[in-house]
Amino acid sequence: MTIPPSSELAQSEAQVEAHSASLKKELGVRDLALTQILFIVGLTWIGVAGKLGPSHVIFWLLALVLFYLPSAVVVIYLNRLMPLEGGLYQWAKLGFNQTVGFLLAWNLWLYVIVFTSEIGLQCSTYLSYALGPSAAWMTTSAWFVALSSAVILSLMVVASTIGLSVGKWVHNTGGVFMLIIFGVLILLPVFGLFTGTLREYHPFRTSIPKFSLYNLNILGKLGFGALGGFEYIAILAGETRAPAKSVGRSVVIAAPIIALMFVLGTSTVVAYVPTKDIDLIAPLAQVLRAGFGPFGIAGPLVTIAILMTLSMRVAQASVSFTAVTRLPMVAGWDSMLPAWFSRLHSKYKTPVNSILLVGACSFTITVLSNVGVGQAEAFQLLFNASGIFYALTYVVMFAIPIFGLRGVSPRPPRWLQAASMSGLLMTVLYVVLSVFPIIKVESVLTFALKITLVIVAMNLVGIGILVSARRRAARGVAR
């Protein structure tokens, strides 16, 4: 795979690399692998998959083959071809055009702003679980949620400004915590068999699932919902040592570990909790109580696990926050946003203005979502749409090897295009079933219309920003 040196794509790559030269190269393969484990693995998914009973193995295998492996090979291919700061934004811009790149970055930015804005509420929820019934007021206190958000977001702003010399240790610690928690979860049935508290354990026992809309919905969620995220760390390619090799190696290391964590973690849930009783909000705490309850140590272990989970959630938010602050910076390099967004801190060489903007927007969403019932309902709709914002970026990513990269010779191989098509169809499945829910709602069409309008309206805002930037650039040229 080569890019002709005289092509527009090659010239754009050279310009991005020139801008990236002033960024500090802090990340290595270990940092990337631990960050991917932290970012991709979500504890709730073992509960969702556990609802399927023994057939969860079939669903995980289908999700791995149809989405997970395709996403891994596409990310490795695109990153080797374009190992650039901005990651997926650069791939879309160079694979298609600036408009597609900007709208992709806009949708990813929207997703992360909403995702990060929930950190205060989640912090309050975890603390209330850890401290017991006396702390239940935390989750319903608007001022406490706002204060938690302000404190955590301020720490993220400071850490992101100092740079990945600090941030990578936050992410690495979160990744290690994730490995520890899943290690305990995976070994719990072995401990149960050894002590006689669990009569049998068959981690890979399975059954053939029925074909239904519900099962298709679960498959879509176990694909994109649970297994998406390999592309995210490539946003920081300009701050990675030897990014063309390091990102790919980290994917190869993390991919099998993450797959085993999900499959074996779900097997533990199925072994200890009846399918109909699985707690989709806190399956980890439920399983630990069931597994360690006979020994009288479930309470302390659950409290420790909850606090570790809170630490992981903050670290996950930090990964999202740190990476997305680079998107306004690289858009500024391309004159699609004012140069103000690309200004680097004189000492730490981080995009300090972009960091402050993301922090302020996340906190604003947090505050507005806690002001009155009407506003809360509106922002809940935005939270539901945020997953689709992220999924739309994957639609573009999988489309690049199939329809884009016109300046690349030879063309992406057929097997890669087939993998891309598989990932594309799985992502579209997720989007469609997210717009049209199969759960009982008052009006399916009204729900779908509201979600669609939110997505369209927010993208029209992005188009307006892009048009404004182009007019501003045209006036600058005219002068």
Protein backbone atom coordinates (compact mmCIF):
# COMPACT_ATOMS: atom_id res chain seq x y z
CA MET A 1 0.00 0.00 0.00
CA THR A 2 1.59 3.24 -1.12
CA ILE A 3 0.58 6.85 -1.61
CA PRO A 4 2.12 8.61 -4.61
CA PRO A 5 4.40 11.38 -3.24
CA SER A 6 2.91 13.93 -5.61
CA SER A 7 -0.70 13.22 -4.65
CA GLU A 8 -2.87 15.62 -2.68
CA LEU A 9 -3.26 12.94 -0.01
CA ALA A 10 0.51 12.68 0.48
CA GLN A 11 0.85 16.46 0.68
CA SER A 12 -1.89 16.63 3.31
CA GLU A 13 -0.13 13.93 5.33
CA ALA A 14 3.10 15.93 5.20
CA GLN A 15 1.32 19.05 6.48
CA VAL A 16 -0.23 17.16 9.41
CA GLU A 17 3.12 15.60 10.32
CA ALA A 18 4.70 19.05 10.28
CA HIS A 19 2.08 20.34 12.72
CA SER A 20 2.52 17.25 14.90
CA ALA A 21 6.26 17.71 15.19
CA SER A 22 5.86 20.02 18.20
CA LEU A 23 3.73 17.50 20.14
CA LYS A 24 5.37 15.39 22.85
CA LYS A 25 5.64 11.66 22.06
CA GLU A 26 4.52 10.08 25.34
CA LEU A 27 2.70 6.88 24.39
CA GLY A 28 4.16 3.42 23.79
CA VAL A 29 2.63 0.01 23.00
CA ARG A 30 1.95 -0.82 26.69
CA ASP A 31 0.13 2.48 27.23
CA LEU A 32 -1.98 1.97 24.11
CA ALA A 33 -2.90 -1.64 24.95
CA LEU A 34 -3.94 -0.82 28.53
CA THR A 35 -5.92 2.20 27.33
CA GLN A 36 -7.78 0.08 24.77
CA ILE A 37 -8.67 -2.51 27.41
CA LEU A 38 -9.93 0.28 29.66
CA PHE A 39 -11.84 2.11 26.93
CA ILE A 40 -13.50 -0.83 25.18
CA VAL A 41 -14.48 -3.10 28.08
CA GLY A 42 -17.73 -2.15 29.79
CA LEU A 43 -19.04 -3.98 32.85
CA THR A 44 -22.71 -3.67 31.91
CA TRP A 45 -22.26 -5.74 28.75
CA ILE A 46 -21.65 -8.97 30.67
CA GLY A 47 -25.11 -8.47 32.16
CA VAL A 48 -26.71 -7.75 28.78
CA ALA A 49 -25.11 -10.85 27.25
CA GLY A 50 -25.94 -12.89 30.36
CA LYS A 51 -29.65 -12.32 29.67
CA LEU A 52 -29.19 -14.62 26.68
CA GLY A 53 -28.26 -17.55 28.92
CA PRO A 54 -25.99 -20.25 27.43
CA SER A 55 -26.50 -18.87 23.91
CA HIS A 56 -24.38 -15.84 24.86
CA VAL A 57 -21.31 -17.72 23.55
CA ILE A 58 -22.84 -17.87 20.04
CA PHE A 59 -23.71 -14.16 20.18
CA TRP A 60 -20.24 -13.16 21.33
CA LEU A 61 -18.66 -15.28 18.58
CA LEU A 62 -20.92 -13.71 15.95
CA ALA A 63 -20.13 -10.20 17.24
CA LEU A 64 -16.41 -11.01 17.27
CA VAL A 65 -16.41 -12.37 13.69
CA LEU A 66 -18.82 -9.88 12.12
CA PHE A 67 -17.70 -6.69 13.87
CA TYR A 68 -14.76 -6.99 16.28
CA LEU A 69 -12.20 -8.57 13.95
CA PRO A 70 -13.24 -6.37 11.00
CA SER A 71 -12.84 -3.24 13.11
CA ALA A 72 -9.42 -4.40 14.30
CA VAL A 73 -8.05 -5.07 10.80
CA VAL A 74 -9.54 -1.86 9.37
CA VAL A 75 -8.01 0.23 12.17
CA ILE A 76 -4.61 -1.43 11.70
CA TYR A 77 -4.74 -0.87 7.92
CA LEU A 78 -5.83 2.78 8.09
CA ASN A 79 -3.42 3.66 10.88
CA ARG A 80 -0.46 2.15 9.01
CA LEU A 81 -1.48 4.09 5.92
CA MET A 82 -2.17 7.35 7.79
CA PRO A 83 -0.52 7.36 11.28
CA LEU A 84 -1.59 10.94 11.98
CA GLU A 85 -2.73 13.04 14.95
CA GLY A 86 -6.51 13.19 14.73
CA GLY A 87 -6.87 9.51 13.79
CA LEU A 88 -10.29 8.81 12.34
CA TYR A 89 -10.79 12.47 11.41
CA GLN A 90 -7.67 12.37 9.24
CA TRP A 91 -8.63 9.01 7.75
CA ALA A 92 -12.05 10.38 6.71
CA LYS A 93 -10.62 13.67 5.44
CA LEU A 94 -7.90 12.02 3.37
CA GLY A 95 -9.99 8.97 2.42
CA PHE A 96 -12.95 11.11 1.27
CA ASN A 97 -12.78 14.89 1.72
CA GLN A 98 -12.68 17.69 4.29
CA THR A 99 -16.45 17.90 4.64
CA VAL A 100 -16.79 14.22 5.57
CA GLY A 101 -13.82 14.53 7.93
CA PHE A 102 -15.25 17.56 9.69
CA LEU A 103 -18.73 16.06 10.13
CA LEU A 104 -17.21 12.83 11.44
CA ALA A 105 -15.18 14.80 13.99
CA TRP A 106 -18.30 16.80 14.90
CA ASN A 107 -20.32 13.65 15.60
CA LEU A 108 -17.49 12.15 17.63
CA TRP A 109 -17.14 15.41 19.54
CA LEU A 110 -20.90 15.44 20.31
CA TYR A 111 -20.75 11.85 21.56
CA VAL A 112 -17.86 12.54 23.92
CA ILE A 113 -19.33 15.79 25.25
CA VAL A 114 -22.51 13.95 26.24
CA PHE A 115 -20.60 10.88 27.47
CA THR A 116 -18.30 12.99 29.65
CA SER A 117 -21.11 15.16 31.00
CA GLU A 118 -22.59 12.09 32.74
CA ILE A 119 -19.53 11.64 34.96
CA GLY A 120 -20.96 13.66 37.88
CA LEU A 121 -24.16 11.60 38.04
CA GLN A 122 -22.25 8.34 37.73
CA CYS A 123 -19.80 9.41 40.43
CA SER A 124 -22.73 10.19 42.75
CA THR A 125 -24.34 6.83 41.95
CA TYR A 126 -21.18 4.81 42.63
CA LEU A 127 -20.50 6.69 45.86
CA SER A 128 -24.06 6.12 47.06
CA TYR A 129 -23.66 2.36 46.42
CA ALA A 130 -20.30 2.26 48.18
CA LEU A 131 -21.36 4.30 51.23
CA GLY A 132 -24.74 2.62 51.70
CA PRO A 133 -28.38 3.77 52.17
CA SER A 134 -27.37 6.89 54.12
CA ALA A 135 -25.80 8.29 50.93
CA ALA A 136 -28.79 7.65 48.65
CA TRP A 137 -29.50 11.40 48.56
CA MET A 138 -26.40 11.97 46.41
CA THR A 139 -28.04 10.71 43.21
CA THR A 140 -31.01 13.06 43.50
CA SER A 141 -29.10 16.15 44.62
CA ALA A 142 -28.59 18.51 41.66
CA TRP A 143 -25.97 20.53 43.51
CA PHE A 144 -23.94 17.44 44.48
CA VAL A 145 -24.03 16.08 40.92
CA ALA A 146 -22.95 19.48 39.59
CA LEU A 147 -20.19 19.76 42.19
CA SER A 148 -18.93 16.24 41.38
CA SER A 149 -18.87 17.11 37.69
CA ALA A 150 -17.07 20.39 38.32
CA VAL A 151 -14.36 18.70 40.42
CA ILE A 152 -13.78 15.76 38.06
CA LEU A 153 -13.87 17.87 34.89
CA SER A 154 -11.48 20.39 36.44
CA LEU A 155 -9.04 17.58 37.23
CA MET A 156 -9.39 16.32 33.65
CA VAL A 157 -8.69 19.80 32.28
CA VAL A 158 -5.57 20.08 34.45
CA ALA A 159 -4.34 16.57 33.58
CA SER A 160 -5.01 17.09 29.85
CA THR A 161 -3.22 20.43 29.92
CA ILE A 162 -0.15 18.92 31.59
CA GLY A 163 -0.32 16.23 28.92
CA LEU A 164 -0.01 12.49 28.49
CA SER A 165 3.05 12.34 30.72
CA VAL A 166 0.42 12.41 33.51
CA GLY A 167 -2.69 11.33 31.64
CA LYS A 168 -1.24 8.02 30.47
CA TRP A 169 -0.74 6.91 34.10
CA VAL A 170 -4.39 7.66 34.86
CA HIS A 171 -5.38 5.56 31.84
CA ASN A 172 -2.87 2.79 32.63
CA THR A 173 -4.11 2.56 36.22
CA GLY A 174 -7.68 2.28 34.98
CA GLY A 175 -6.62 -0.48 32.58
CA VAL A 176 -4.87 -2.39 35.38
CA PHE A 177 -7.97 -2.03 37.60
CA MET A 178 -10.09 -3.41 34.76
CA LEU A 179 -7.79 -6.44 34.42
CA ILE A 180 -7.86 -7.03 38.19
CA ILE A 181 -11.66 -6.86 38.43
CA PHE A 182 -12.18 -9.15 35.47
CA GLY A 183 -9.46 -11.48 36.79
CA VAL A 184 -11.41 -11.88 40.04
CA LEU A 185 -14.64 -12.30 38.08
CA ILE A 186 -13.20 -14.96 35.77
CA LEU A 187 -11.54 -16.92 38.60
CA LEU A 188 -14.62 -16.77 40.85
CA PRO A 189 -16.24 -19.95 39.41
CA VAL A 190 -12.96 -21.85 39.82
CA PHE A 191 -12.88 -20.73 43.46
CA GLY A 192 -16.53 -21.77 43.81
CA LEU A 193 -15.88 -25.26 42.43
CA PHE A 194 -12.82 -25.68 44.67
CA THR A 195 -14.74 -24.70 47.82
CA GLY A 196 -17.94 -26.53 46.89
CA THR A 197 -20.12 -23.41 46.77
CA LEU A 198 -20.69 -23.85 43.02
CA ARG A 199 -21.84 -27.25 41.81
CA GLU A 200 -20.93 -26.92 38.13
CA TYR A 201 -19.36 -24.49 35.68
CA HIS A 202 -19.33 -24.82 31.90
CA PRO A 203 -17.92 -21.57 30.48
CA PHE A 204 -18.31 -22.55 26.83
CA ARG A 205 -21.56 -24.48 27.00
CA THR A 206 -23.94 -22.97 24.49
CA SER A 207 -27.28 -23.34 22.74
CA ILE A 208 -28.57 -22.26 19.35
CA PRO A 209 -30.46 -18.94 19.70
CA LYS A 210 -33.77 -18.21 18.02
CA PHE A 211 -33.91 -15.74 15.16
CA SER A 212 -35.85 -12.72 16.43
CA LEU A 213 -35.80 -8.93 16.37
CA TYR A 214 -34.82 -8.96 20.04
CA ASN A 215 -31.82 -11.18 19.35
CA LEU A 216 -30.79 -9.00 16.38
CA ASN A 217 -30.92 -5.99 18.69
CA ILE A 218 -28.68 -7.74 21.22
CA LEU A 219 -26.27 -8.79 18.46
CA GLY A 220 -26.00 -5.18 17.27
CA LYS A 221 -25.35 -3.97 20.81
CA LEU A 222 -22.75 -6.68 21.49
CA GLY A 223 -21.05 -5.70 18.23
CA PHE A 224 -20.73 -1.95 18.01
CA GLY A 225 -21.95 -1.20 21.55
CA ALA A 226 -19.65 -3.55 23.46
CA LEU A 227 -16.75 -4.08 21.07
CA GLY A 228 -16.24 -0.66 19.46
CA GLY A 229 -13.30 1.57 20.34
CA PHE A 230 -10.10 0.34 18.68
CA GLU A 231 -9.94 3.43 16.48
CA TYR A 232 -10.16 5.88 19.35
CA ILE A 233 -6.59 5.74 20.59
CA ALA A 234 -5.33 6.45 17.05
CA ILE A 235 -6.53 10.05 17.54
CA LEU A 236 -3.35 10.45 19.61
CA ALA A 237 -1.05 9.05 16.89
CA GLY A 238 0.94 12.31 16.77
CA GLU A 239 1.74 11.84 20.48
CA THR A 240 2.73 8.18 20.07
CA ARG A 241 6.19 6.77 19.51
CA ALA A 242 6.33 5.02 16.09
CA PRO A 243 2.52 5.23 15.68
CA ALA A 244 2.35 3.22 12.44
CA LYS A 245 3.62 0.14 14.30
CA SER A 246 2.62 0.86 17.91
CA VAL A 247 -1.13 1.24 17.38
CA GLY A 248 -1.32 -1.97 15.34
CA ARG A 249 0.72 -3.94 17.88
CA SER A 250 -1.45 -2.68 20.74
CA VAL A 251 -4.58 -3.83 18.87
CA VAL A 252 -3.07 -7.29 18.36
CA ILE A 253 -2.25 -7.51 22.09
CA ALA A 254 -5.53 -6.09 23.42
CA ALA A 255 -7.99 -7.80 21.04
CA PRO A 256 -7.76 -11.41 22.33
CA ILE A 257 -7.59 -10.26 25.97
CA ILE A 258 -10.77 -8.19 25.58
CA ALA A 259 -12.58 -11.04 23.80
CA LEU A 260 -11.77 -13.50 26.62
CA MET A 261 -12.76 -10.95 29.25
CA PHE A 262 -16.21 -10.55 27.74
CA VAL A 263 -16.90 -14.25 27.06
CA LEU A 264 -15.58 -15.62 30.38
CA GLY A 265 -16.98 -12.70 32.37
CA THR A 266 -20.44 -13.41 30.94
CA SER A 267 -20.01 -17.12 31.71
CA THR A 268 -19.46 -16.23 35.37
CA VAL A 269 -22.66 -14.17 35.44
CA VAL A 270 -24.63 -17.06 33.91
CA ALA A 271 -23.09 -19.52 36.39
CA TYR A 272 -24.14 -17.57 39.48
CA VAL A 273 -27.28 -15.60 38.60
CA PRO A 274 -30.53 -16.88 37.04
CA THR A 275 -31.05 -15.25 33.65
CA LYS A 276 -34.27 -13.48 34.61
CA ASP A 277 -32.67 -12.01 37.77
CA ILE A 278 -29.54 -10.47 36.20
CA ASP A 279 -29.05 -6.83 37.21
CA LEU A 280 -28.25 -4.90 34.02
CA ILE A 281 -27.08 -1.84 35.95
CA ALA A 282 -24.62 -3.49 38.35
CA PRO A 283 -24.00 -7.13 37.30
CA LEU A 284 -20.50 -7.12 38.82
CA ALA A 285 -21.70 -6.27 42.33
CA GLN A 286 -24.49 -8.84 42.00
CA VAL A 287 -22.10 -11.64 41.00
CA LEU A 288 -19.56 -10.81 43.70
CA ARG A 289 -22.31 -10.90 46.33
CA ALA A 290 -23.49 -14.28 45.02
CA GLY A 291 -20.00 -15.75 44.76
CA PHE A 292 -18.43 -14.50 47.98
CA GLY A 293 -21.59 -14.26 50.08
CA PRO A 294 -21.14 -17.71 51.70
CA PHE A 295 -17.76 -16.59 53.08
CA GLY A 296 -18.99 -13.39 54.71
CA ILE A 297 -16.67 -11.15 52.69
CA ALA A 298 -19.05 -10.07 49.94
CA GLY A 299 -19.79 -6.68 51.52
CA PRO A 300 -16.20 -5.39 51.71
CA LEU A 301 -15.34 -6.88 48.30
CA VAL A 302 -18.33 -5.25 46.64
CA THR A 303 -17.43 -1.88 48.18
CA ILE A 304 -13.85 -2.19 46.92
CA ALA A 305 -15.10 -3.25 43.47
CA ILE A 306 -17.49 -0.28 43.32
CA LEU A 307 -14.72 2.18 44.21
CA MET A 308 -12.41 0.57 41.63
CA THR A 309 -15.23 0.77 39.08
CA LEU A 310 -15.64 4.47 39.85
CA SER A 311 -11.90 4.95 39.29
CA MET A 312 -12.17 3.09 35.98
CA ARG A 313 -15.14 5.19 34.90
CA VAL A 314 -13.22 8.39 35.61
CA ALA A 315 -10.23 6.99 33.70
CA GLN A 316 -12.48 6.05 30.75
CA ALA A 317 -13.91 9.56 30.72
CA SER A 318 -10.35 10.90 30.82
CA VAL A 319 -9.44 8.84 27.73
CA SER A 320 -12.46 10.20 25.86
CA PHE A 321 -11.82 13.74 27.06
CA THR A 322 -8.11 13.76 26.24
CA ALA A 323 -8.52 12.37 22.73
CA VAL A 324 -11.49 14.51 21.72
CA THR A 325 -9.72 17.73 22.72
CA ARG A 326 -7.37 17.04 19.79
CA LEU A 327 -10.16 17.22 17.22
CA PRO A 328 -10.69 21.01 17.36
CA MET A 329 -6.89 21.36 17.24
CA VAL A 330 -6.49 19.37 14.01
CA ALA A 331 -9.57 21.06 12.49
CA GLY A 332 -7.81 24.36 13.25
CA TRP A 333 -4.77 23.11 11.35
CA ASP A 334 -7.04 22.73 8.32
CA SER A 335 -8.55 26.23 8.83
CA MET A 336 -11.99 24.73 9.46
CA LEU A 337 -11.92 26.29 12.93
CA PRO A 338 -10.10 29.44 14.09
CA ALA A 339 -6.39 29.06 14.84
CA TRP A 340 -7.29 29.75 18.51
CA PHE A 341 -8.24 26.08 18.85
CA SER A 342 -4.79 24.93 17.71
CA ARG A 343 -2.80 27.10 20.10
CA LEU A 344 -0.45 24.96 22.22
CA HIS A 345 0.55 25.55 25.82
CA SER A 346 4.00 27.12 25.89
CA LYS A 347 5.38 24.53 28.32
CA TYR A 348 3.32 21.35 27.93
CA LYS A 349 2.64 21.56 24.16
CA THR A 350 -1.03 20.64 24.56
CA PRO A 351 -4.04 22.36 22.91
CA VAL A 352 -5.04 24.28 26.03
CA ASN A 353 -7.86 26.32 24.44
CA SER A 354 -9.47 23.24 22.96
CA ILE A 355 -9.18 21.50 26.34
CA LEU A 356 -10.92 24.37 28.11
CA LEU A 357 -13.71 24.39 25.51
CA VAL A 358 -14.46 20.68 25.89
CA GLY A 359 -14.45 20.99 29.68
CA ALA A 360 -16.82 23.97 29.60
CA CYS A 361 -19.22 22.30 27.15
CA SER A 362 -19.35 19.08 29.19
CA PHE A 363 -20.09 21.00 32.38
CA THR A 364 -22.80 23.03 30.63
CA ILE A 365 -24.55 19.85 29.49
CA THR A 366 -24.33 18.51 33.07
CA VAL A 367 -25.94 21.63 34.55
CA LEU A 368 -28.68 21.93 31.93
CA SER A 369 -29.66 18.26 32.28
CA ASN A 370 -30.38 18.89 35.98
CA VAL A 371 -32.55 22.00 35.52
CA GLY A 372 -36.24 21.09 35.53
CA VAL A 373 -38.12 18.11 34.20
CA GLY A 374 -38.62 19.42 30.66
CA GLN A 375 -34.95 20.07 30.15
CA ALA A 376 -34.04 16.73 31.70
CA GLU A 377 -36.29 14.91 29.22
CA ALA A 378 -34.75 16.83 26.33
CA PHE A 379 -31.24 15.99 27.39
CA GLN A 380 -32.17 12.36 28.00
CA LEU A 381 -33.09 12.26 24.34
CA LEU A 382 -29.65 13.67 23.53
CA PHE A 383 -28.03 10.96 25.69
CA ASN A 384 -29.93 8.31 23.72
CA ALA A 385 -28.81 9.88 20.45
CA SER A 386 -25.16 10.08 21.53
CA GLY A 387 -24.56 6.39 20.75
CA ILE A 388 -25.79 7.01 17.21
CA PHE A 389 -23.43 10.00 16.87
CA TYR A 390 -20.55 7.61 17.62
CA ALA A 391 -21.93 4.87 15.37
CA LEU A 392 -22.09 7.28 12.41
CA THR A 393 -18.31 7.75 12.68
CA TYR A 394 -17.93 3.97 12.31
CA VAL A 395 -20.13 3.99 9.23
CA VAL A 396 -17.61 6.37 7.66
CA MET A 397 -14.59 4.39 8.91
CA PHE A 398 -15.81 1.12 7.39
CA ALA A 399 -16.76 2.92 4.16
CA ILE A 400 -13.22 4.27 3.61
CA PRO A 401 -11.60 1.01 2.33
CA ILE A 402 -14.67 0.29 0.16
CA PHE A 403 -15.48 3.66 -1.40
CA GLY A 404 -12.62 6.01 -0.47
CA LEU A 405 -8.82 6.24 -0.73
CA ARG A 406 -8.78 7.08 -4.43
CA GLY A 407 -5.16 8.22 -4.19
CA VAL A 408 -3.89 4.89 -2.82
CA SER A 409 -2.19 2.31 -5.01
CA PRO A 410 -2.80 -0.59 -4.98
CA ARG A 411 -6.43 -0.46 -3.85
CA PRO A 412 -7.31 -1.99 -0.45
CA PRO A 413 -7.41 -5.80 -0.84
CA ARG A 414 -10.72 -7.59 -1.39
CA TRP A 415 -10.58 -9.39 1.97
CA LEU A 416 -10.25 -6.02 3.74
CA GLN A 417 -13.19 -4.62 1.79
CA ALA A 418 -15.23 -7.70 2.74
CA ALA A 419 -14.32 -7.19 6.41
CA SER A 420 -15.24 -3.51 6.09
CA MET A 421 -18.63 -4.41 4.62
CA SER A 422 -19.31 -6.78 7.50
CA GLY A 423 -18.45 -4.09 10.06
CA LEU A 424 -20.49 -1.52 8.12
CA LEU A 425 -23.62 -3.72 8.10
CA MET A 426 -23.27 -4.47 11.83
CA THR A 427 -22.98 -0.74 12.58
CA VAL A 428 -26.00 0.08 10.42
CA LEU A 429 -27.90 -2.65 12.30
CA TYR A 430 -27.04 -0.91 15.57
CA VAL A 431 -28.12 2.50 14.24
CA VAL A 432 -31.45 1.27 12.85
CA LEU A 433 -32.39 -0.62 15.99
CA SER A 434 -31.39 2.37 18.12
CA VAL A 435 -33.66 4.68 16.13
CA PHE A 436 -36.52 2.16 16.20
CA PRO A 437 -36.51 0.58 19.67
CA ILE A 438 -37.98 -2.86 20.19
CA ILE A 439 -38.65 -2.16 23.86
CA LYS A 440 -42.14 -0.99 24.77
CA VAL A 441 -42.54 2.77 24.33
CA GLU A 442 -45.62 4.95 24.11
CA SER A 443 -45.11 5.52 20.38
CA VAL A 444 -42.34 3.88 18.38
CA LEU A 445 -42.74 6.36 15.52
CA THR A 446 -42.65 9.38 17.85
CA PHE A 447 -39.53 8.05 19.56
CA ALA A 448 -37.84 7.39 16.22
CA LEU A 449 -38.83 10.83 14.92
CA LYS A 450 -37.44 12.60 18.00
CA ILE A 451 -34.12 10.73 17.83
CA THR A 452 -33.85 11.40 14.09
CA LEU A 453 -34.59 15.10 14.53
CA VAL A 454 -31.93 15.43 17.25
CA ILE A 455 -29.32 13.77 15.02
CA VAL A 456 -30.26 15.79 11.94
CA ALA A 457 -30.47 19.09 13.85
CA MET A 458 -27.08 18.65 15.51
CA ASN A 459 -25.47 17.77 12.18
CA LEU A 460 -27.04 20.84 10.59
CA VAL A 461 -25.32 22.86 13.32
CA GLY A 462 -22.05 21.20 12.32
CA ILE A 463 -22.66 22.04 8.66
CA GLY A 464 -23.34 25.65 9.66
CA ILE A 465 -20.00 25.82 11.48
CA LEU A 466 -18.24 24.37 8.44
CA VAL A 467 -19.91 26.83 6.02
CA SER A 468 -19.01 29.72 8.30
CA ALA A 469 -15.38 28.57 8.44
CA ARG A 470 -15.17 28.36 4.65
CA ARG A 471 -16.62 31.85 4.23
CA ARG A 472 -14.15 33.17 6.77
CA ALA A 473 -11.29 31.48 4.91
CA ALA A 474 -12.55 32.89 1.58
CA ARG A 475 -12.62 36.41 3.00
CA GLY A 476 -9.08 35.94 4.27
CA VAL A 477 -7.89 34.89 0.81
CA ALA A 478 -9.69 37.84 -0.80
CA ARG A 479 -7.88 40.27 1.44
